[in-house]
C-alpha atoms as a PDB file:
ATOM      1  CA  MET A   1      13.890  -4.878  10.585  1.00  0.00           C
ATOM      2  CA  ALA A   2      11.285  -6.558   8.389  1.00  0.00           C
ATOM      3  CA  THR A   3      10.377  -6.236   4.717  1.00  0.00           C
ATOM      4  CA  LEU A   4       6.970  -4.746   3.995  1.00  0.00           C
ATOM      5  CA  ILE A   5       4.958  -5.638   0.889  1.00  0.00           C
ATOM      6  CA  LEU A   6       2.414  -2.881   0.283  1.00  0.00           C
ATOM      7  CA  LEU A   7      -0.398  -4.357  -1.782  1.00  0.00           C
ATOM      8  CA  ARG A   8      -3.110  -2.121  -3.153  1.00  0.00           C
ATOM      9  CA  HIS A   9      -6.466  -3.870  -3.285  1.00  0.00           C
ATOM     10  CA  ALA A  10      -7.481  -5.354  -6.629  1.00  0.00           C
ATOM     11  CA  ARG A  11      -9.811  -3.428  -8.912  1.00  0.00           C
ATOM     12  CA  SER A  12     -13.103  -2.624  -7.231  1.00  0.00           C
ATOM     13  CA  ALA A  13     -16.554  -1.939  -8.606  1.00  0.00           C
ATOM     14  CA  ALA A  14     -16.029   1.735  -7.761  1.00  0.00           C
ATOM     15  CA  ASN A  15     -12.744   1.830  -9.696  1.00  0.00           C
ATOM     16  CA  GLY A  16     -14.580   0.555 -12.749  1.00  0.00           C
ATOM     17  CA  ALA A  17     -17.406   3.061 -12.300  1.00  0.00           C
ATOM     18  CA  GLY A  18     -15.093   6.036 -11.822  1.00  0.00           C
ATOM     19  CA  THR A  19     -16.399   6.929  -8.364  1.00  0.00           C
ATOM     20  CA  LEU A  20     -14.544   7.780  -5.180  1.00  0.00           C
ATOM     21  CA  ALA A  21     -15.554   4.915  -2.918  1.00  0.00           C
ATOM     22  CA  GLY A  22     -13.767   6.124   0.180  1.00  0.00           C
ATOM     23  CA  ARG A  23     -15.109   4.296   3.199  1.00  0.00           C
ATOM     24  CA  SER A  24     -18.460   3.413   1.638  1.00  0.00           C
ATOM     25  CA  PRO A  25     -19.606  -0.035   2.806  1.00  0.00           C
ATOM     26  CA  GLY A  26     -20.330  -2.867   0.390  1.00  0.00           C
ATOM     27  CA  VAL A  27     -17.741  -1.966  -2.255  1.00  0.00           C
ATOM     28  CA  GLY A  28     -16.254  -5.259  -3.413  1.00  0.00           C
ATOM     29  CA  LEU A  29     -14.063  -6.366  -6.297  1.00  0.00           C
ATOM     30  CA  ASP A  30     -15.315  -6.360  -9.863  1.00  0.00           C
ATOM     31  CA  GLU A  31     -14.679  -9.247 -12.260  1.00  0.00           C
ATOM     32  CA  THR A  32     -11.243  -7.952 -13.193  1.00  0.00           C
ATOM     33  CA  GLY A  33     -10.359  -7.510  -9.535  1.00  0.00           C
ATOM     34  CA  VAL A  34     -11.401 -11.051  -8.671  1.00  0.00           C
ATOM     35  CA  GLY A  35      -8.979 -12.338 -11.311  1.00  0.00           C
ATOM     36  CA  GLN A  36      -6.198 -10.074 -10.041  1.00  0.00           C
ATOM     37  CA  ALA A  37      -6.687 -11.299  -6.478  1.00  0.00           C
ATOM     38  CA  ALA A  38      -6.658 -14.943  -7.572  1.00  0.00           C
ATOM     39  CA  GLY A  39      -3.309 -14.379  -9.262  1.00  0.00           C
ATOM     40  CA  LEU A  40      -1.653 -13.347  -6.005  1.00  0.00           C
ATOM     41  CA  VAL A  41      -1.274 -16.968  -4.881  1.00  0.00           C
ATOM     42  CA  ASP A  42       1.097 -17.793  -7.741  1.00  0.00           C
ATOM     43  CA  ARG A  43       2.644 -14.347  -7.871  1.00  0.00           C
ATOM     44  CA  LEU A  44       3.805 -14.497  -4.245  1.00  0.00           C
ATOM     45  CA  ALA A  45       4.418 -18.260  -4.164  1.00  0.00           C
ATOM     46  CA  GLU A  46       8.172 -17.937  -3.544  1.00  0.00           C
ATOM     47  CA  VAL A  47       7.837 -15.281  -0.849  1.00  0.00           C
ATOM     48  CA  PRO A  48       7.571 -16.482   2.777  1.00  0.00           C
ATOM     49  CA  LEU A  49       4.961 -14.359   4.525  1.00  0.00           C
ATOM     50  CA  ALA A  50       5.104 -13.962   8.283  1.00  0.00           C
ATOM     51  CA  GLY A  51       1.706 -12.317   8.332  1.00  0.00           C
ATOM     52  CA  ILE A  52      -0.945 -10.312   6.526  1.00  0.00           C
ATOM     53  CA  VAL A  53      -2.338  -7.003   7.766  1.00  0.00           C
ATOM     54  CA  VAL A  54      -5.395  -5.582   6.048  1.00  0.00           C
ATOM     55  CA  SER A  55      -7.557  -2.481   5.889  1.00  0.00           C
ATOM     56  CA  PRO A  56     -11.025  -3.130   7.334  1.00  0.00           C
ATOM     57  CA  LEU A  57     -12.752  -2.339   4.034  1.00  0.00           C
ATOM     58  CA  GLN A  58     -14.349  -5.114   1.979  1.00  0.00           C
ATOM     59  CA  ARG A  59     -12.290  -4.685  -1.176  1.00  0.00           C
ATOM     60  CA  CYS A  60      -9.053  -5.223   0.751  1.00  0.00           C
ATOM     61  CA  ARG A  61     -10.336  -8.219   2.680  1.00  0.00           C
ATOM     62  CA  GLU A  62     -11.532  -9.813  -0.582  1.00  0.00           C
ATOM     63  CA  THR A  63      -8.169  -9.181  -2.224  1.00  0.00           C
ATOM     64  CA  VAL A  64      -6.185 -11.156   0.355  1.00  0.00           C
ATOM     65  CA  ALA A  65      -8.787 -13.836   1.190  1.00  0.00           C
ATOM     66  CA  GLY A  66      -7.468 -16.481  -1.219  1.00  0.00           C
ATOM     67  CA  LEU A  67      -3.821 -15.806  -0.435  1.00  0.00           C
ATOM     68  CA  ALA A  68      -4.459 -15.932   3.307  1.00  0.00           C
ATOM     69  CA  ALA A  69      -6.383 -19.194   3.018  1.00  0.00           C
ATOM     70  CA  GLN A  70      -3.645 -20.783   0.917  1.00  0.00           C
ATOM     71  CA  ARG A  71      -0.996 -19.766   3.481  1.00  0.00           C
ATOM     72  CA  GLY A  72      -3.097 -20.665   6.522  1.00  0.00           C
ATOM     73  CA  LEU A  73      -2.867 -17.083   7.788  1.00  0.00           C
ATOM     74  CA  SER A  74      -5.542 -15.020   9.517  1.00  0.00           C
ATOM     75  CA  PRO A  75      -5.321 -11.409   8.312  1.00  0.00           C
ATOM     76  CA  LEU A  76      -5.039  -8.845  11.072  1.00  0.00           C
ATOM     77  CA  VAL A  77      -7.401  -5.908  10.523  1.00  0.00           C
ATOM     78  CA  GLU A  78      -5.680  -2.554  11.046  1.00  0.00           C
ATOM     79  CA  PRO A  79      -8.039   0.477  11.237  1.00  0.00           C
ATOM     80  CA  ASP A  80      -5.152   2.904  10.689  1.00  0.00           C
ATOM     81  CA  LEU A  81      -4.640   1.435   7.202  1.00  0.00           C
ATOM     82  CA  ALA A  82      -8.227   2.215   6.196  1.00  0.00           C
ATOM     83  CA  GLU A  83      -8.992   4.311   3.149  1.00  0.00           C
ATOM     84  CA  VAL A  84      -8.875   8.090   3.395  1.00  0.00           C
ATOM     85  CA  ASP A  85     -12.010   9.550   4.945  1.00  0.00           C
ATOM     86  CA  TYR A  86     -13.034  11.677   1.983  1.00  0.00           C
ATOM     87  CA  GLY A  87     -16.042  13.048   3.844  1.00  0.00           C
ATOM     88  CA  ASP A  88     -18.495  14.821   1.541  1.00  0.00           C
ATOM     89  CA  TRP A  89     -16.546  13.674  -1.509  1.00  0.00           C
ATOM     90  CA  THR A  90     -17.340  10.024  -0.786  1.00  0.00           C
ATOM     91  CA  GLY A  91     -19.346   8.303  -3.507  1.00  0.00           C
ATOM     92  CA  ARG A  92     -19.047  11.135  -6.023  1.00  0.00           C
ATOM     93  CA  LYS A  93     -17.820  10.805  -9.599  1.00  0.00           C
ATOM     94  CA  ILE A  94     -14.166  11.687 -10.148  1.00  0.00           C
ATOM     95  CA  THR A  95     -15.181  13.724 -13.197  1.00  0.00           C
ATOM     96  CA  GLU A  96     -17.343  15.918 -10.941  1.00  0.00           C
ATOM     97  CA  LEU A  97     -14.662  16.335  -8.300  1.00  0.00           C
ATOM     98  CA  THR A  98     -12.129  17.744 -10.762  1.00  0.00           C
ATOM     99  CA  ALA A  99     -14.248  20.920 -10.909  1.00  0.00           C
ATOM    100  CA  GLU A 100     -14.005  21.465  -7.128  1.00  0.00           C
ATOM    101  CA  PRO A 101     -11.572  24.183  -5.946  1.00  0.00           C
ATOM    102  CA  LEU A 102     -10.069  21.701  -3.478  1.00  0.00           C
ATOM    103  CA  TRP A 103      -9.044  19.453  -6.367  1.00  0.00           C
ATOM    104  CA  LYS A 104      -6.120  21.735  -7.241  1.00  0.00           C
ATOM    105  CA  VAL A 105      -4.961  21.690  -3.625  1.00  0.00           C
ATOM    106  CA  VAL A 106      -5.111  17.886  -3.561  1.00  0.00           C
ATOM    107  CA  GLN A 107      -3.030  17.775  -6.734  1.00  0.00           C
ATOM    108  CA  GLN A 108      -0.503  20.529  -6.040  1.00  0.00           C
ATOM    109  CA  HIS A 109      -0.320  20.949  -2.247  1.00  0.00           C
ATOM    110  CA  PRO A 110      -1.740  17.758  -0.714  1.00  0.00           C
ATOM    111  CA  SER A 111      -0.193  18.381   2.703  1.00  0.00           C
ATOM    112  CA  ALA A 112      -2.717  21.223   3.077  1.00  0.00           C
ATOM    113  CA  ALA A 113      -5.702  19.271   1.740  1.00  0.00           C
ATOM    114  CA  VAL A 114      -8.493  18.514   4.204  1.00  0.00           C
ATOM    115  CA  PHE A 115     -11.613  16.888   2.771  1.00  0.00           C
ATOM    116  CA  PRO A 116     -14.897  18.544   3.789  1.00  0.00           C
ATOM    117  CA  GLY A 117     -16.405  16.460   6.559  1.00  0.00           C
ATOM    118  CA  GLY A 118     -13.429  14.104   6.398  1.00  0.00           C
ATOM    119  CA  GLU A 119      -9.714  14.043   7.196  1.00  0.00           C
ATOM    120  CA  GLY A 120      -6.589  15.667   5.826  1.00  0.00           C
ATOM    121  CA  LEU A 121      -3.954  13.865   3.790  1.00  0.00           C
ATOM    122  CA  ALA A 122      -1.315  14.813   6.368  1.00  0.00           C
ATOM    123  CA  GLN A 123      -3.389  12.930   8.957  1.00  0.00           C
ATOM    124  CA  VAL A 124      -3.541   9.943   6.630  1.00  0.00           C
ATOM    125  CA  GLN A 125       0.224   9.845   6.309  1.00  0.00           C
ATOM    126  CA  ALA A 126       0.765  10.171  10.059  1.00  0.00           C
ATOM    127  CA  ARG A 127      -1.569   7.306  10.961  1.00  0.00           C
ATOM    128  CA  SER A 128      -0.497   4.968   8.165  1.00  0.00           C
ATOM    129  CA  VAL A 129       3.254   5.409   8.664  1.00  0.00           C
ATOM    130  CA  ALA A 130       2.868   4.911  12.426  1.00  0.00           C
ATOM    131  CA  ALA A 131       0.843   1.743  11.794  1.00  0.00           C
ATOM    132  CA  VAL A 132       3.271   0.106   9.353  1.00  0.00           C
ATOM    133  CA  ARG A 133       6.278   0.907  11.502  1.00  0.00           C
ATOM    134  CA  ALA A 134       4.585  -0.565  14.572  1.00  0.00           C
ATOM    135  CA  HIS A 135       3.714  -3.781  12.731  1.00  0.00           C
ATOM    136  CA  ASP A 136       7.195  -3.901  11.215  1.00  0.00           C
ATOM    137  CA  ARG A 137       8.733  -3.866  14.684  1.00  0.00           C
ATOM    138  CA  ARG A 138       6.281  -6.518  15.805  1.00  0.00           C
ATOM    139  CA  PHE A 139       7.208  -8.914  12.988  1.00  0.00           C
ATOM    140  CA  GLY A 140      10.893  -8.446  13.716  1.00  0.00           C
ATOM    141  CA  PRO A 141      14.152  -8.877  11.770  1.00  0.00           C
ATOM    142  CA  ASP A 142      14.202 -10.731   8.437  1.00  0.00           C
ATOM    143  CA  ALA A 143      10.428 -11.242   8.331  1.00  0.00           C
ATOM    144  CA  VAL A 144       8.465 -10.490   5.168  1.00  0.00           C
ATOM    145  CA  TRP A 145       4.916  -9.309   5.749  1.00  0.00           C
ATOM    146  CA  LEU A 146       2.130  -7.931   3.617  1.00  0.00           C
ATOM    147  CA  ALA A 147      -0.223  -5.004   4.166  1.00  0.00           C
ATOM    148  CA  CYS A 148      -3.217  -4.696   1.848  1.00  0.00           C
ATOM    149  CA  THR A 149      -4.526  -1.166   1.785  1.00  0.00           C
ATOM    150  CA  HIS A 150      -5.456   1.740  -0.511  1.00  0.00           C
ATOM    151  CA  GLY A 151      -3.786   3.903  -3.132  1.00  0.00           C
ATOM    152  CA  ASP A 152      -3.373   7.181  -1.239  1.00  0.00           C
ATOM    153  CA  VAL A 153      -2.380   5.316   1.914  1.00  0.00           C
ATOM    154  CA  ILE A 154       0.363   3.431   0.062  1.00  0.00           C
ATOM    155  CA  LYS A 155       1.561   6.603  -1.662  1.00  0.00           C
ATOM    156  CA  SER A 156       1.856   8.368   1.688  1.00  0.00           C
ATOM    157  CA  VAL A 157       3.896   5.486   3.170  1.00  0.00           C
ATOM    158  CA  LEU A 158       6.156   5.405   0.111  1.00  0.00           C
ATOM    159  CA  ALA A 159       6.670   9.177   0.243  1.00  0.00           C
ATOM    160  CA  ASP A 160       7.806   8.848   3.858  1.00  0.00           C
ATOM    161  CA  ALA A 161      10.147   5.964   2.993  1.00  0.00           C
ATOM    162  CA  LEU A 162      11.630   7.936   0.109  1.00  0.00           C
ATOM    163  CA  GLY A 163      12.165  11.021   2.275  1.00  0.00           C
ATOM    164  CA  LEU A 164       9.775  12.838  -0.044  1.00  0.00           C
ATOM    165  CA  HIS A 165       7.607  15.684   1.207  1.00  0.00           C
ATOM    166  CA  LEU A 166       3.918  14.816   1.139  1.00  0.00           C
ATOM    167  CA  ASP A 167       3.418  17.535  -1.484  1.00  0.00           C
ATOM    168  CA  GLY A 168       5.332  15.289  -3.890  1.00  0.00           C
ATOM    169  CA  PHE A 169       3.338  12.123  -3.270  1.00  0.00           C
ATOM    170  CA  GLN A 170       1.131  12.644  -6.322  1.00  0.00           C
ATOM    171  CA  ARG A 171       4.202  11.810  -8.410  1.00  0.00           C
ATOM    172  CA  ILE A 172       3.898   8.211  -7.217  1.00  0.00           C
ATOM    173  CA  VAL A 173       1.606   5.848  -9.153  1.00  0.00           C
ATOM    174  CA  VAL A 174      -0.023   2.887  -7.400  1.00  0.00           C
ATOM    175  CA  ASP A 175      -2.313   0.755  -9.584  1.00  0.00           C
ATOM    176  CA  PRO A 176      -4.906  -1.792  -8.409  1.00  0.00           C
ATOM    177  CA  CYS A 177      -3.286  -5.022  -7.165  1.00  0.00           C
ATOM    178  CA  SER A 178       0.189  -3.518  -7.528  1.00  0.00           C
ATOM    179  CA  VAL A 179       3.018  -4.365  -5.161  1.00  0.00           C
ATOM    180  CA  SER A 180       5.367  -1.817  -3.634  1.00  0.00           C
ATOM    181  CA  VAL A 181       8.061  -2.911  -1.214  1.00  0.00           C
ATOM    182  CA  VAL A 182       9.896  -1.186   1.622  1.00  0.00           C
ATOM    183  CA  ARG A 183      12.654  -2.758   3.684  1.00  0.00           C
ATOM    184  CA  TYR A 184      13.200  -0.923   6.964  1.00  0.00           C
ATOM    185  CA  THR A 185      16.584  -0.863   8.703  1.00  0.00           C
ATOM    186  CA  GLU A 186      17.874   0.780  11.868  1.00  0.00           C
ATOM    187  CA  THR A 187      18.792   4.011  10.130  1.00  0.00           C
ATOM    188  CA  ARG A 188      16.715   4.255   6.960  1.00  0.00           C
ATOM    189  CA  PRO A 189      14.139   2.538   4.764  1.00  0.00           C
ATOM    190  CA  PHE A 190      15.033   1.128   1.350  1.00  0.00           C
ATOM    191  CA  VAL A 191      12.333   1.239  -1.335  1.00  0.00           C
ATOM    192  CA  LEU A 192      12.750  -1.928  -3.409  1.00  0.00           C
ATOM    193  CA  LYS A 193       9.711  -1.804  -5.680  1.00  0.00           C
ATOM    194  CA  VAL A 194       6.999   0.667  -6.633  1.00  0.00           C
ATOM    195  CA  ASN A 195       3.787  -0.173  -8.508  1.00  0.00           C
ATOM    196  CA  ASP A 196       4.904  -3.631  -9.627  1.00  0.00           C
ATOM    197  CA  THR A 197       2.051  -5.367 -11.454  1.00  0.00           C
ATOM    198  CA  GLY A 198       4.179  -8.142 -12.953  1.00  0.00           C
ATOM    199  CA  GLY A 199       4.715 -11.757 -12.061  1.00  0.00           C
ATOM    200  CA  ASP A 200       7.562 -13.276 -10.044  1.00  0.00           C
ATOM    201  CA  VAL A 201       8.524 -11.302  -6.944  1.00  0.00           C
ATOM    202  CA  SER A 202      10.825 -13.898  -5.357  1.00  0.00           C
ATOM    203  CA  GLY A 203      13.515 -11.205  -5.198  1.00  0.00           C
ATOM    204  CA  LEU A 204      11.702  -9.841  -2.160  1.00  0.00           C
ATOM    205  CA  VAL A 205      13.215 -12.535   0.060  1.00  0.00           C
ATOM    206  CA  PRO A 206      15.680 -10.630   2.282  1.00  0.00           C
ATOM    207  CA  PRO A 207      19.355 -11.044   1.378  1.00  0.00           C
ATOM    208  CA  VAL A 208      21.788 -12.290   3.997  1.00  0.00           C
ATOM    209  CA  ASP A 209      22.911  -8.738   4.768  1.00  0.00           C
ATOM    210  CA  ALA A 210      19.407  -7.260   4.895  1.00  0.00           C
ATOM    211  CA  ALA A 211      20.049  -5.823   8.353  1.00  0.00           C
ATOM    212  CA  LYS A 212      22.757  -3.528   7.007  1.00  0.00           C
ATOM    213  CA  SER A 213      21.759   0.119   6.931  1.00  0.00           C
ATOM    214  CA  ASP A 214      24.343   1.187   4.349  1.00  0.00           C
ATOM    215  CA  ALA A 215      23.408   1.797   0.741  1.00  0.00           C
ATOM    216  CA  VAL A 216      25.520  -0.080  -1.811  1.00  0.00           C
ATOM    217  CA  VAL A 217      27.940   2.396  -3.373  1.00  0.00           C
ATOM    218  CA  GLY A 218      27.693   2.228  -7.167  1.00  0.00           C
ATOM    219  CA  GLY A 219      24.401   0.332  -7.050  1.00  0.00           C
ATOM    220  CA  THR A 220      23.437  -3.236  -6.239  1.00  0.00           C
ATOM    221  CA  THR A 221      25.029  -6.135  -8.111  1.00  0.00           C
ATOM    222  CA  GLY A 222      21.826  -8.015  -8.857  1.00  0.00           C
ATOM    223  CA  SER A 223      23.059 -11.095  -7.000  1.00  0.00           C
ATOM    224  CA  PRO A 224      20.974 -12.631  -4.167  1.00  0.00           C
ATOM    225  CA  ASP A 225      23.316 -11.107  -1.583  1.00  0.00           C
ATOM    226  CA  ARG A 226      23.072  -7.688  -3.233  1.00  0.00           C
END
């Protein structure tokens, strides 16, 4: 199967203000985020991209705009990779939300968390995992493709790939403009990177035996062919 680059959108104005943007319209990148997004062109220069899939929200579309233009790709908007519908929590300060009784559930038992007037985190994982697996099949073997989406969405996909119960997904950290990578095979996913905010990611190019579903006993060798 293909290799999926999960890109969290670059820093948004809401990130800087400490608010939960959710699906609020008109939330774009702040100055730091614009610089992060511009750096993606060089950062992913050695990685052949078969396509770009993007959340419908502005901050994600702005994050991939320069990269898509440089590659001559038209991002495909995927509604099932949209941000969590936080319902009544949308637009509120994070510092206020920590006092809500639901906050402890979100932190300690997220599989049971349902946001008032919004959706549950279990629903988020179900829709996002189904979406990435469908696109992965569509791109086909040996392709490398990128999905730009949101922190909790990426964490839920990574938890599934790691075989981790959703209640453990808060252990995963996904920073703005970070790259996490999953390579799917016939029998299992392999998680290659989590929360990578560094430079060169040319190691994402699939090795010659990428279709193999077996883990390397003793660990990988570090060579291009594993």
